[in-house]
Amino acid sequence: MPLEERRRRLIEAAIVIVGESGLGAASTRAISTHAGMPLASFHYAFSSQHELMMVALHTLVEREIADHGDLELDGHTQTEAVRSALLMHLTDVDRRLNDYRALQELSLHAQHIPGFEELPATFRERRTSRLHDKLVEFRESRHIRFDRPAIDIAKGLVLLADGITVSMLTGRDADELRDSIKRQLRQP
């Protein structure tokens, strides 16, 4: 099996295990077994468990950022754009709950690994930048004005999206959250 395929399978196995059972369950043996490989394959593909976990974190962040790249804000006002972004995020979290659980665990873990402490902040900045670009594109395509700079709206969206993610991970009902977003972001 080519090295890149081994790495891909081990990364996906790590994401599944962390998402389903937590970081404590993600031993090199458990990951290798889940990937359908002998333990030696793990050590051939990665120098350490920490390296694999950080690559898994990068993989999850890239997926989320790619989803933001596909984000098509809806509506004709600033409020409608914000509502649509939050509802799309909620739908994505609901659809990929284990990925988001793994993303949260690995982000917290990274803060305790020398050399990786800043990764979560860097990823948050990238998400904010991507949302900013989408908001500017929305504003210009609709020929509307925002009541504050697009970067401020993007920062708020990332903060609210993080709250939605944590709410979903702690057992909140997606329909309840969806209704709350719609109620809170009604047009005046």
N, C-alpha and C. Protein backbone atom coordinates (compact mmCIF):
# COMPACT_ATOMS: atom_id res chain seq x y z
N MET A 1 0.85 -1.17 0.00
CA MET A 1 0.00 0.00 0.00
C MET A 1 0.90 1.24 0.00
N PRO A 2 0.63 2.20 -0.88
CA PRO A 2 1.45 3.42 -0.91
C PRO A 2 1.36 4.19 0.41
N LEU A 3 2.43 4.90 0.73
CA LEU A 3 2.51 5.64 1.99
C LEU A 3 1.34 6.61 2.15
N GLU A 4 1.00 7.34 1.10
CA GLU A 4 -0.10 8.31 1.21
C GLU A 4 -1.42 7.65 1.54
N GLU A 5 -1.66 6.46 0.99
CA GLU A 5 -2.89 5.74 1.31
C GLU A 5 -2.88 5.27 2.76
N ARG A 6 -1.74 4.81 3.25
CA ARG A 6 -1.62 4.41 4.66
C ARG A 6 -1.92 5.61 5.56
N ARG A 7 -1.30 6.74 5.22
CA ARG A 7 -1.51 7.94 6.03
C ARG A 7 -2.98 8.34 6.02
N ARG A 8 -3.61 8.33 4.85
CA ARG A 8 -5.01 8.73 4.74
C ARG A 8 -5.91 7.83 5.59
N ARG A 9 -5.67 6.53 5.53
CA ARG A 9 -6.49 5.59 6.29
C ARG A 9 -6.28 5.76 7.80
N LEU A 10 -5.05 6.00 8.21
CA LEU A 10 -4.78 6.22 9.63
C LEU A 10 -5.39 7.54 10.12
N ILE A 11 -5.32 8.57 9.31
CA ILE A 11 -5.94 9.86 9.67
C ILE A 11 -7.44 9.68 9.84
N GLU A 12 -8.08 9.03 8.88
CA GLU A 12 -9.53 8.84 8.97
C GLU A 12 -9.89 7.97 10.17
N ALA A 13 -9.09 6.96 10.45
CA ALA A 13 -9.35 6.11 11.62
C ALA A 13 -9.23 6.93 12.91
N ALA A 14 -8.22 7.78 12.99
CA ALA A 14 -8.04 8.62 14.17
C ALA A 14 -9.24 9.55 14.35
N ILE A 15 -9.71 10.15 13.27
CA ILE A 15 -10.86 11.05 13.35
C ILE A 15 -12.10 10.31 13.85
N VAL A 16 -12.33 9.13 13.32
CA VAL A 16 -13.49 8.35 13.74
C VAL A 16 -13.40 7.99 15.22
N ILE A 17 -12.26 7.50 15.64
CA ILE A 17 -12.10 7.08 17.04
C ILE A 17 -12.24 8.26 17.99
N VAL A 18 -11.56 9.36 17.69
CA VAL A 18 -11.65 10.54 18.57
C VAL A 18 -13.08 11.06 18.58
N GLY A 19 -13.73 11.09 17.43
CA GLY A 19 -15.10 11.58 17.35
C GLY A 19 -16.10 10.71 18.08
N GLU A 20 -15.90 9.40 18.04
CA GLU A 20 -16.85 8.48 18.66
C GLU A 20 -16.55 8.23 20.13
N SER A 21 -15.26 8.14 20.48
CA SER A 21 -14.91 7.67 21.83
C SER A 21 -13.99 8.60 22.60
N GLY A 22 -13.51 9.65 21.97
CA GLY A 22 -12.64 10.59 22.67
C GLY A 22 -11.16 10.31 22.42
N LEU A 23 -10.36 11.29 22.76
CA LEU A 23 -8.92 11.23 22.54
C LEU A 23 -8.27 10.09 23.32
N GLY A 24 -8.78 9.80 24.51
CA GLY A 24 -8.21 8.74 25.34
C GLY A 24 -8.30 7.36 24.69
N ALA A 25 -9.27 7.19 23.80
CA ALA A 25 -9.44 5.89 23.14
C ALA A 25 -8.57 5.76 21.89
N ALA A 26 -7.91 6.84 21.50
CA ALA A 26 -7.17 6.86 20.23
C ALA A 26 -5.72 6.44 20.40
N SER A 27 -5.53 5.22 20.87
CA SER A 27 -4.16 4.69 20.97
C SER A 27 -3.67 4.33 19.57
N THR A 28 -2.37 4.22 19.42
CA THR A 28 -1.83 3.85 18.11
C THR A 28 -2.34 2.48 17.69
N ARG A 29 -2.49 1.58 18.65
CA ARG A 29 -3.00 0.24 18.34
C ARG A 29 -4.45 0.31 17.87
N ALA A 30 -5.29 1.08 18.57
CA ALA A 30 -6.70 1.19 18.20
C ALA A 30 -6.84 1.83 16.82
N ILE A 31 -6.05 2.84 16.56
CA ILE A 31 -6.10 3.51 15.26
C ILE A 31 -5.67 2.57 14.15
N SER A 32 -4.57 1.86 14.36
CA SER A 32 -4.08 0.91 13.35
C SER A 32 -5.11 -0.18 13.09
N THR A 33 -5.69 -0.71 14.15
CA THR A 33 -6.70 -1.76 14.01
C THR A 33 -7.90 -1.24 13.23
N HIS A 34 -8.38 -0.06 13.58
CA HIS A 34 -9.54 0.52 12.90
C HIS A 34 -9.23 0.76 11.42
N ALA A 35 -7.99 1.11 11.12
CA ALA A 35 -7.58 1.34 9.73
C ALA A 35 -7.33 0.03 8.97
N GLY A 36 -7.36 -1.08 9.70
CA GLY A 36 -7.13 -2.37 9.07
C GLY A 36 -5.68 -2.62 8.72
N MET A 37 -4.78 -2.11 9.57
CA MET A 37 -3.34 -2.24 9.33
C MET A 37 -2.62 -2.74 10.57
N PRO A 38 -1.48 -3.35 10.38
CA PRO A 38 -0.67 -3.74 11.54
C PRO A 38 -0.08 -2.48 12.20
N LEU A 39 0.22 -2.60 13.48
CA LEU A 39 0.76 -1.47 14.24
C LEU A 39 2.03 -0.91 13.58
N ALA A 40 2.84 -1.75 12.98
CA ALA A 40 4.07 -1.29 12.33
C ALA A 40 3.77 -0.27 11.22
N SER A 41 2.62 -0.39 10.58
CA SER A 41 2.24 0.56 9.53
C SER A 41 2.09 1.97 10.09
N PHE A 42 1.61 2.04 11.34
CA PHE A 42 1.47 3.35 11.97
C PHE A 42 2.82 4.03 12.06
N HIS A 43 3.79 3.32 12.58
CA HIS A 43 5.12 3.90 12.80
C HIS A 43 5.87 4.16 11.50
N TYR A 44 5.48 3.48 10.45
CA TYR A 44 6.05 3.74 9.13
C TYR A 44 5.49 5.05 8.56
N ALA A 45 4.21 5.34 8.86
CA ALA A 45 3.53 6.50 8.28
C ALA A 45 3.67 7.77 9.12
N PHE A 46 3.79 7.64 10.44
CA PHE A 46 3.87 8.80 11.34
C PHE A 46 4.96 8.59 12.36
N SER A 47 5.62 9.67 12.72
CA SER A 47 6.70 9.57 13.70
C SER A 47 6.18 9.44 15.13
N SER A 48 4.94 9.92 15.36
CA SER A 48 4.38 9.85 16.72
C SER A 48 2.86 9.99 16.66
N GLN A 49 2.25 9.66 17.77
CA GLN A 49 0.80 9.84 17.88
C GLN A 49 0.45 11.32 17.80
N HIS A 50 1.28 12.17 18.40
CA HIS A 50 1.03 13.62 18.34
C HIS A 50 1.03 14.11 16.90
N GLU A 51 1.97 13.63 16.11
CA GLU A 51 2.00 14.04 14.70
C GLU A 51 0.70 13.66 14.01
N LEU A 52 0.25 12.43 14.21
CA LEU A 52 -1.00 11.99 13.59
C LEU A 52 -2.16 12.86 14.06
N MET A 53 -2.23 13.16 15.34
CA MET A 53 -3.34 13.95 15.86
C MET A 53 -3.34 15.36 15.26
N MET A 54 -2.18 15.93 15.07
CA MET A 54 -2.13 17.27 14.48
C MET A 54 -2.48 17.24 12.99
N VAL A 55 -2.09 16.17 12.31
CA VAL A 55 -2.48 16.03 10.90
C VAL A 55 -3.99 15.81 10.82
N ALA A 56 -4.55 15.04 11.74
CA ALA A 56 -6.00 14.84 11.78
C ALA A 56 -6.71 16.16 12.03
N LEU A 57 -6.17 16.97 12.93
CA LEU A 57 -6.74 18.30 13.20
C LEU A 57 -6.71 19.16 11.94
N HIS A 58 -5.58 19.18 11.26
CA HIS A 58 -5.47 19.93 10.00
C HIS A 58 -6.51 19.44 8.98
N THR A 59 -6.67 18.15 8.89
CA THR A 59 -7.63 17.57 7.95
C THR A 59 -9.05 18.05 8.26
N LEU A 60 -9.43 18.02 9.53
CA LEU A 60 -10.76 18.46 9.92
C LEU A 60 -10.97 19.94 9.66
N VAL A 61 -9.96 20.74 9.95
CA VAL A 61 -10.07 22.18 9.71
C VAL A 61 -10.19 22.46 8.22
N GLU A 62 -9.40 21.77 7.42
CA GLU A 62 -9.48 21.98 5.97
C GLU A 62 -10.87 21.61 5.44
N ARG A 63 -11.47 20.57 6.00
CA ARG A 63 -12.83 20.21 5.59
C ARG A 63 -13.81 21.33 5.93
N GLU A 64 -13.69 21.86 7.14
CA GLU A 64 -14.60 22.94 7.55
C GLU A 64 -14.38 24.18 6.70
N ILE A 65 -13.13 24.53 6.43
CA ILE A 65 -12.85 25.70 5.61
C ILE A 65 -13.34 25.48 4.18
N ALA A 66 -13.19 24.27 3.67
CA ALA A 66 -13.73 23.97 2.33
C ALA A 66 -15.24 24.13 2.32
N ASP A 67 -15.91 23.71 3.40
CA ASP A 67 -17.36 23.91 3.50
C ASP A 67 -17.70 25.39 3.49
N HIS A 68 -16.90 26.21 4.16
CA HIS A 68 -17.12 27.66 4.12
C HIS A 68 -16.92 28.19 2.72
N GLY A 69 -16.01 27.58 1.98
CA GLY A 69 -15.78 28.00 0.60
C GLY A 69 -17.00 27.73 -0.26
N ASP A 70 -17.75 26.68 0.07
CA ASP A 70 -18.97 26.34 -0.67
C ASP A 70 -20.18 27.12 -0.15
N LEU A 71 -20.00 27.85 0.92
CA LEU A 71 -21.09 28.58 1.56
C LEU A 71 -21.70 29.60 0.61
N GLU A 72 -22.98 29.49 0.41
CA GLU A 72 -23.71 30.46 -0.39
C GLU A 72 -24.70 31.15 0.53
N LEU A 73 -24.39 32.37 0.92
CA LEU A 73 -25.27 33.12 1.80
C LEU A 73 -26.56 33.42 1.06
N ASP A 74 -27.66 33.38 1.80
CA ASP A 74 -28.97 33.53 1.21
C ASP A 74 -29.64 34.80 1.71
N GLY A 75 -30.54 35.33 0.93
CA GLY A 75 -31.34 36.47 1.34
C GLY A 75 -30.93 37.75 0.64
N HIS A 76 -31.50 38.85 1.17
CA HIS A 76 -31.25 40.15 0.56
C HIS A 76 -30.85 41.21 1.58
N THR A 77 -30.62 40.79 2.83
CA THR A 77 -30.24 41.73 3.88
C THR A 77 -29.10 41.13 4.69
N GLN A 78 -28.49 41.98 5.49
CA GLN A 78 -27.43 41.53 6.39
C GLN A 78 -27.95 40.47 7.35
N THR A 79 -29.12 40.69 7.93
CA THR A 79 -29.70 39.74 8.88
C THR A 79 -29.96 38.39 8.21
N GLU A 80 -30.48 38.42 6.99
CA GLU A 80 -30.75 37.17 6.28
C GLU A 80 -29.46 36.43 5.96
N ALA A 81 -28.40 37.15 5.65
CA ALA A 81 -27.11 36.53 5.38
C ALA A 81 -26.57 35.85 6.64
N VAL A 82 -26.65 36.54 7.76
CA VAL A 82 -26.17 35.98 9.02
C VAL A 82 -26.99 34.75 9.39
N ARG A 83 -28.30 34.86 9.29
CA ARG A 83 -29.18 33.72 9.61
C ARG A 83 -28.85 32.52 8.72
N SER A 84 -28.68 32.76 7.43
CA SER A 84 -28.41 31.64 6.52
C SER A 84 -27.06 30.99 6.84
N ALA A 85 -26.05 31.80 7.18
CA ALA A 85 -24.74 31.24 7.52
C ALA A 85 -24.83 30.36 8.77
N LEU A 86 -25.54 30.83 9.78
CA LEU A 86 -25.67 30.05 11.01
C LEU A 86 -26.49 28.78 10.80
N LEU A 87 -27.54 28.87 10.02
CA LEU A 87 -28.35 27.68 9.74
C LEU A 87 -27.57 26.65 8.93
N MET A 88 -26.75 27.12 7.99
CA MET A 88 -25.92 26.18 7.22
C MET A 88 -24.88 25.51 8.12
N HIS A 89 -24.32 26.29 9.05
CA HIS A 89 -23.35 25.70 9.97
C HIS A 89 -24.03 24.65 10.84
N LEU A 90 -25.20 24.97 11.36
CA LEU A 90 -25.94 24.01 12.18
C LEU A 90 -26.22 22.73 11.40
N THR A 91 -26.63 22.85 10.17
CA THR A 91 -26.90 21.68 9.33
C THR A 91 -25.63 20.85 9.16
N ASP A 92 -24.50 21.53 8.95
CA ASP A 92 -23.24 20.81 8.77
C ASP A 92 -22.82 20.09 10.04
N VAL A 93 -22.96 20.76 11.19
CA VAL A 93 -22.60 20.11 12.45
C VAL A 93 -23.50 18.91 12.70
N ASP A 94 -24.79 19.07 12.44
CA ASP A 94 -25.74 17.97 12.64
C ASP A 94 -25.39 16.78 11.74
N ARG A 95 -24.97 17.07 10.52
CA ARG A 95 -24.63 16.03 9.54
C ARG A 95 -23.31 15.35 9.89
N ARG A 96 -22.35 16.09 10.44
CA ARG A 96 -21.01 15.54 10.70
C ARG A 96 -20.63 15.70 12.17
N LEU A 97 -21.53 15.31 13.06
CA LEU A 97 -21.34 15.54 14.50
C LEU A 97 -20.03 14.93 15.01
N ASN A 98 -19.69 13.73 14.60
CA ASN A 98 -18.46 13.10 15.08
C ASN A 98 -17.21 13.84 14.60
N ASP A 99 -17.24 14.35 13.37
CA ASP A 99 -16.10 15.16 12.90
C ASP A 99 -15.92 16.39 13.78
N TYR A 100 -17.02 17.05 14.12
CA TYR A 100 -16.93 18.25 14.95
C TYR A 100 -16.51 17.92 16.37
N ARG A 101 -16.95 16.76 16.87
CA ARG A 101 -16.51 16.34 18.20
C ARG A 101 -14.99 16.12 18.18
N ALA A 102 -14.51 15.46 17.14
CA ALA A 102 -13.06 15.24 17.02
C ALA A 102 -12.33 16.57 16.86
N LEU A 103 -12.88 17.49 16.09
CA LEU A 103 -12.27 18.81 15.90
C LEU A 103 -12.13 19.54 17.23
N GLN A 104 -13.16 19.50 18.05
CA GLN A 104 -13.10 20.16 19.36
C GLN A 104 -12.05 19.52 20.25
N GLU A 105 -12.07 18.20 20.33
CA GLU A 105 -11.10 17.51 21.20
C GLU A 105 -9.67 17.76 20.75
N LEU A 106 -9.43 17.66 19.45
CA LEU A 106 -8.07 17.84 18.95
C LEU A 106 -7.61 19.29 19.08
N SER A 107 -8.52 20.25 18.96
CA SER A 107 -8.16 21.66 19.14
C SER A 107 -7.73 21.92 20.58
N LEU A 108 -8.47 21.36 21.52
CA LEU A 108 -8.08 21.51 22.93
C LEU A 108 -6.76 20.81 23.20
N HIS A 109 -6.58 19.65 22.63
CA HIS A 109 -5.34 18.88 22.80
C HIS A 109 -4.14 19.65 22.25
N ALA A 110 -4.31 20.29 21.11
CA ALA A 110 -3.20 21.02 20.47
C ALA A 110 -2.65 22.12 21.38
N GLN A 111 -3.49 22.69 22.20
CA GLN A 111 -3.05 23.78 23.07
C GLN A 111 -2.07 23.32 24.15
N HIS A 112 -1.94 22.01 24.31
CA HIS A 112 -1.04 21.47 25.33
C HIS A 112 0.20 20.79 24.73
N ILE A 113 0.37 20.94 23.43
CA ILE A 113 1.52 20.32 22.77
C ILE A 113 2.47 21.43 22.33
N PRO A 114 3.69 21.43 22.87
CA PRO A 114 4.65 22.46 22.48
C PRO A 114 4.80 22.54 20.96
N GLY A 115 4.71 23.74 20.44
CA GLY A 115 4.83 23.97 19.02
C GLY A 115 3.49 23.99 18.29
N PHE A 116 2.44 23.54 18.94
CA PHE A 116 1.11 23.49 18.31
C PHE A 116 0.08 24.36 19.03
N GLU A 117 0.49 25.07 20.06
CA GLU A 117 -0.44 25.82 20.90
C GLU A 117 -1.26 26.84 20.13
N GLU A 118 -0.69 27.39 19.08
CA GLU A 118 -1.36 28.46 18.34
C GLU A 118 -2.25 27.95 17.20
N LEU A 119 -2.25 26.65 16.94
CA LEU A 119 -3.04 26.12 15.82
C LEU A 119 -4.52 26.49 15.90
N PRO A 120 -5.19 26.30 17.04
CA PRO A 120 -6.61 26.65 17.06
C PRO A 120 -6.87 28.13 16.74
N ALA A 121 -6.04 29.03 17.22
CA ALA A 121 -6.22 30.45 16.92
C ALA A 121 -5.97 30.73 15.44
N THR A 122 -4.98 30.07 14.88
CA THR A 122 -4.70 30.23 13.44
C THR A 122 -5.87 29.75 12.60
N PHE A 123 -6.44 28.62 12.98
CA PHE A 123 -7.58 28.08 12.24
C PHE A 123 -8.79 29.01 12.37
N ARG A 124 -9.00 29.57 13.57
CA ARG A 124 -10.12 30.50 13.77
C ARG A 124 -9.94 31.73 12.88
N GLU A 125 -8.71 32.22 12.76
CA GLU A 125 -8.45 33.37 11.88
C GLU A 125 -8.74 33.03 10.42
N ARG A 126 -8.40 31.82 10.00
CA ARG A 126 -8.68 31.41 8.62
C ARG A 126 -10.18 31.31 8.37
N ARG A 127 -10.92 30.76 9.35
CA ARG A 127 -12.38 30.69 9.22
C ARG A 127 -12.97 32.09 9.12
N THR A 128 -12.49 32.98 9.96
CA THR A 128 -12.99 34.36 9.97
C THR A 128 -12.71 35.02 8.63
N SER A 129 -11.51 34.83 8.10
CA SER A 129 -11.15 35.43 6.82
C SER A 129 -12.04 34.90 5.69
N ARG A 130 -12.29 33.59 5.71
CA ARG A 130 -13.13 32.99 4.67
C ARG A 130 -14.56 33.55 4.75
N LEU A 131 -15.10 33.66 5.96
CA LEU A 131 -16.44 34.23 6.13
C LEU A 131 -16.48 35.70 5.72
N HIS A 132 -15.43 36.43 6.05
CA HIS A 132 -15.35 37.83 5.64
C HIS A 132 -15.47 37.94 4.13
N ASP A 133 -14.71 37.13 3.41
CA ASP A 133 -14.75 37.16 1.95
C ASP A 133 -16.15 36.84 1.43
N LYS A 134 -16.81 35.86 2.05
CA LYS A 134 -18.17 35.50 1.63
C LYS A 134 -19.15 36.64 1.90
N LEU A 135 -18.99 37.31 3.03
CA LEU A 135 -19.87 38.43 3.36
C LEU A 135 -19.67 39.59 2.39
N VAL A 136 -18.44 39.89 2.05
CA VAL A 136 -18.16 40.97 1.09
C VAL A 136 -18.76 40.62 -0.26
N GLU A 137 -18.58 39.38 -0.68
CA GLU A 137 -19.16 38.91 -1.94
C GLU A 137 -20.68 39.06 -1.92
N PHE A 138 -21.30 38.66 -0.82
CA PHE A 138 -22.76 38.78 -0.67
C PHE A 138 -23.19 40.25 -0.75
N ARG A 139 -22.52 41.10 0.02
CA ARG A 139 -22.87 42.53 0.06
C ARG A 139 -22.77 43.15 -1.32
N GLU A 140 -21.70 42.84 -2.03
CA GLU A 140 -21.50 43.44 -3.36
C GLU A 140 -22.47 42.89 -4.39
N SER A 141 -22.79 41.60 -4.30
CA SER A 141 -23.70 41.01 -5.28
C SER A 141 -25.14 41.48 -5.08
N ARG A 142 -25.49 41.87 -3.84
CA ARG A 142 -26.85 42.33 -3.53
C ARG A 142 -26.96 43.86 -3.52
N HIS A 143 -25.80 44.52 -3.62
CA HIS A 143 -25.76 46.00 -3.60
C HIS A 143 -26.45 46.54 -2.34
N ILE A 144 -26.04 45.98 -1.19
CA ILE A 144 -26.61 46.44 0.08
C ILE A 144 -25.49 46.96 0.96
N ARG A 145 -25.90 47.63 2.02
CA ARG A 145 -24.94 48.15 3.01
C ARG A 145 -25.10 47.36 4.29
N PHE A 146 -23.98 47.13 4.96
CA PHE A 146 -24.02 46.50 6.28
C PHE A 146 -23.97 47.60 7.32
N ASP A 147 -24.46 47.30 8.51
CA ASP A 147 -24.44 48.30 9.58
C ASP A 147 -23.13 48.30 10.36
N ARG A 148 -22.21 47.42 9.97
CA ARG A 148 -20.88 47.38 10.58
C ARG A 148 -19.93 46.73 9.58
N PRO A 149 -18.63 46.83 9.82
CA PRO A 149 -17.69 46.22 8.87
C PRO A 149 -17.88 44.71 8.75
N ALA A 150 -17.68 44.20 7.56
CA ALA A 150 -17.85 42.77 7.30
C ALA A 150 -16.95 41.92 8.19
N ILE A 151 -15.77 42.41 8.52
CA ILE A 151 -14.87 41.63 9.38
C ILE A 151 -15.47 41.45 10.77
N ASP A 152 -16.17 42.47 11.28
CA ASP A 152 -16.81 42.35 12.59
C ASP A 152 -17.94 41.34 12.55
N ILE A 153 -18.69 41.33 11.46
CA ILE A 153 -19.77 40.34 11.31
C ILE A 153 -19.17 38.94 11.23
N ALA A 154 -18.09 38.80 10.48
CA ALA A 154 -17.43 37.49 10.34
C ALA A 154 -16.94 36.99 11.70
N LYS A 155 -16.34 37.85 12.49
CA LYS A 155 -15.87 37.45 13.83
C LYS A 155 -17.04 37.00 14.69
N GLY A 156 -18.15 37.73 14.62
CA GLY A 156 -19.34 37.34 15.37
C GLY A 156 -19.90 36.01 14.90
N LEU A 157 -19.90 35.79 13.59
CA LEU A 157 -20.39 34.52 13.05
C LEU A 157 -19.55 33.34 13.54
N VAL A 158 -18.24 33.50 13.56
CA VAL A 158 -17.37 32.42 14.05
C VAL A 158 -17.67 32.14 15.52
N LEU A 159 -17.83 33.18 16.29
CA LEU A 159 -18.14 33.02 17.71
C LEU A 159 -19.48 32.29 17.89
N LEU A 160 -20.50 32.72 17.16
CA LEU A 160 -21.81 32.07 17.25
C LEU A 160 -21.78 30.64 16.72
N ALA A 161 -21.03 30.41 15.64
CA ALA A 161 -20.90 29.05 15.10
C ALA A 161 -20.24 28.14 16.13
N ASP A 162 -19.23 28.64 16.83
CA ASP A 162 -18.61 27.84 17.88
C ASP A 162 -19.61 27.49 18.98
N GLY A 163 -20.46 28.44 19.33
CA GLY A 163 -21.51 28.18 20.33
C GLY A 163 -22.51 27.14 19.85
N ILE A 164 -22.88 27.21 18.58
CA ILE A 164 -23.78 26.21 18.00
C ILE A 164 -23.13 24.84 18.06
N THR A 165 -21.85 24.79 17.71
CA THR A 165 -21.13 23.50 17.72
C THR A 165 -21.12 22.91 19.12
N VAL A 166 -20.76 23.69 20.11
CA VAL A 166 -20.72 23.19 21.48
C VAL A 166 -22.12 22.77 21.93
N SER A 167 -23.12 23.55 21.58
CA SER A 167 -24.50 23.18 21.94
C SER A 167 -24.88 21.82 21.36
N MET A 168 -24.54 21.61 20.11
CA MET A 168 -24.84 20.32 19.48
C MET A 168 -24.05 19.19 20.14
N LEU A 169 -22.79 19.44 20.46
CA LEU A 169 -21.95 18.40 21.05
C LEU A 169 -22.38 18.04 22.47
N THR A 170 -23.09 18.94 23.12
CA THR A 170 -23.55 18.67 24.48
C THR A 170 -25.01 18.23 24.51
N GLY A 171 -25.52 17.81 23.35
CA GLY A 171 -26.82 17.17 23.32
C GLY A 171 -28.02 18.03 22.99
N ARG A 172 -27.81 19.26 22.57
CA ARG A 172 -28.95 20.09 22.19
C ARG A 172 -29.57 19.55 20.92
N ASP A 173 -30.85 19.77 20.78
CA ASP A 173 -31.61 19.32 19.64
C ASP A 173 -31.43 20.30 18.47
N ALA A 174 -31.11 19.77 17.30
CA ALA A 174 -30.87 20.62 16.12
C ALA A 174 -32.11 21.43 15.77
N ASP A 175 -33.29 20.83 15.88
CA ASP A 175 -34.51 21.58 15.56
C ASP A 175 -34.73 22.74 16.53
N GLU A 176 -34.43 22.51 17.80
CA GLU A 176 -34.55 23.57 18.80
C GLU A 176 -33.58 24.71 18.48
N LEU A 177 -32.36 24.39 18.14
CA LEU A 177 -31.38 25.42 17.80
C LEU A 177 -31.79 26.16 16.52
N ARG A 178 -32.28 25.42 15.54
CA ARG A 178 -32.72 26.02 14.28
C ARG A 178 -33.85 27.03 14.54
N ASP A 179 -34.81 26.65 15.36
CA ASP A 179 -35.91 27.55 15.70
C ASP A 179 -35.40 28.78 16.45
N SER A 180 -34.46 28.58 17.35
CA SER A 180 -33.90 29.70 18.11
C SER A 180 -33.17 30.69 17.19
N ILE A 181 -32.39 30.17 16.27
CA ILE A 181 -31.69 31.06 15.32
C ILE A 181 -32.69 31.86 14.52
N LYS A 182 -33.73 31.22 14.04
CA LYS A 182 -34.75 31.92 13.25
C LYS A 182 -35.47 32.97 14.07
N ARG A 183 -35.80 32.64 15.34
CA ARG A 183 -36.48 33.62 16.20
C ARG A 183 -35.58 34.82 16.50
N GLN A 184 -34.31 34.56 16.80
CA GLN A 184 -33.40 35.63 17.18
C GLN A 184 -33.02 36.54 16.02
N LEU A 185 -33.07 35.99 14.82
CA LEU A 185 -32.63 36.77 13.65
C LEU A 185 -33.78 37.03 12.68
N ARG A 186 -34.91 37.40 13.24
CA ARG A 186 -36.04 37.82 12.40
C ARG A 186 -35.79 39.22 11.90
N GLN A 187 -36.39 39.51 10.78
CA GLN A 187 -36.32 40.88 10.27
C GLN A 187 -37.18 41.77 11.17
N PRO A 188 -36.71 42.98 11.50
CA PRO A 188 -37.50 43.87 12.36
C PRO A 188 -38.81 44.28 11.69
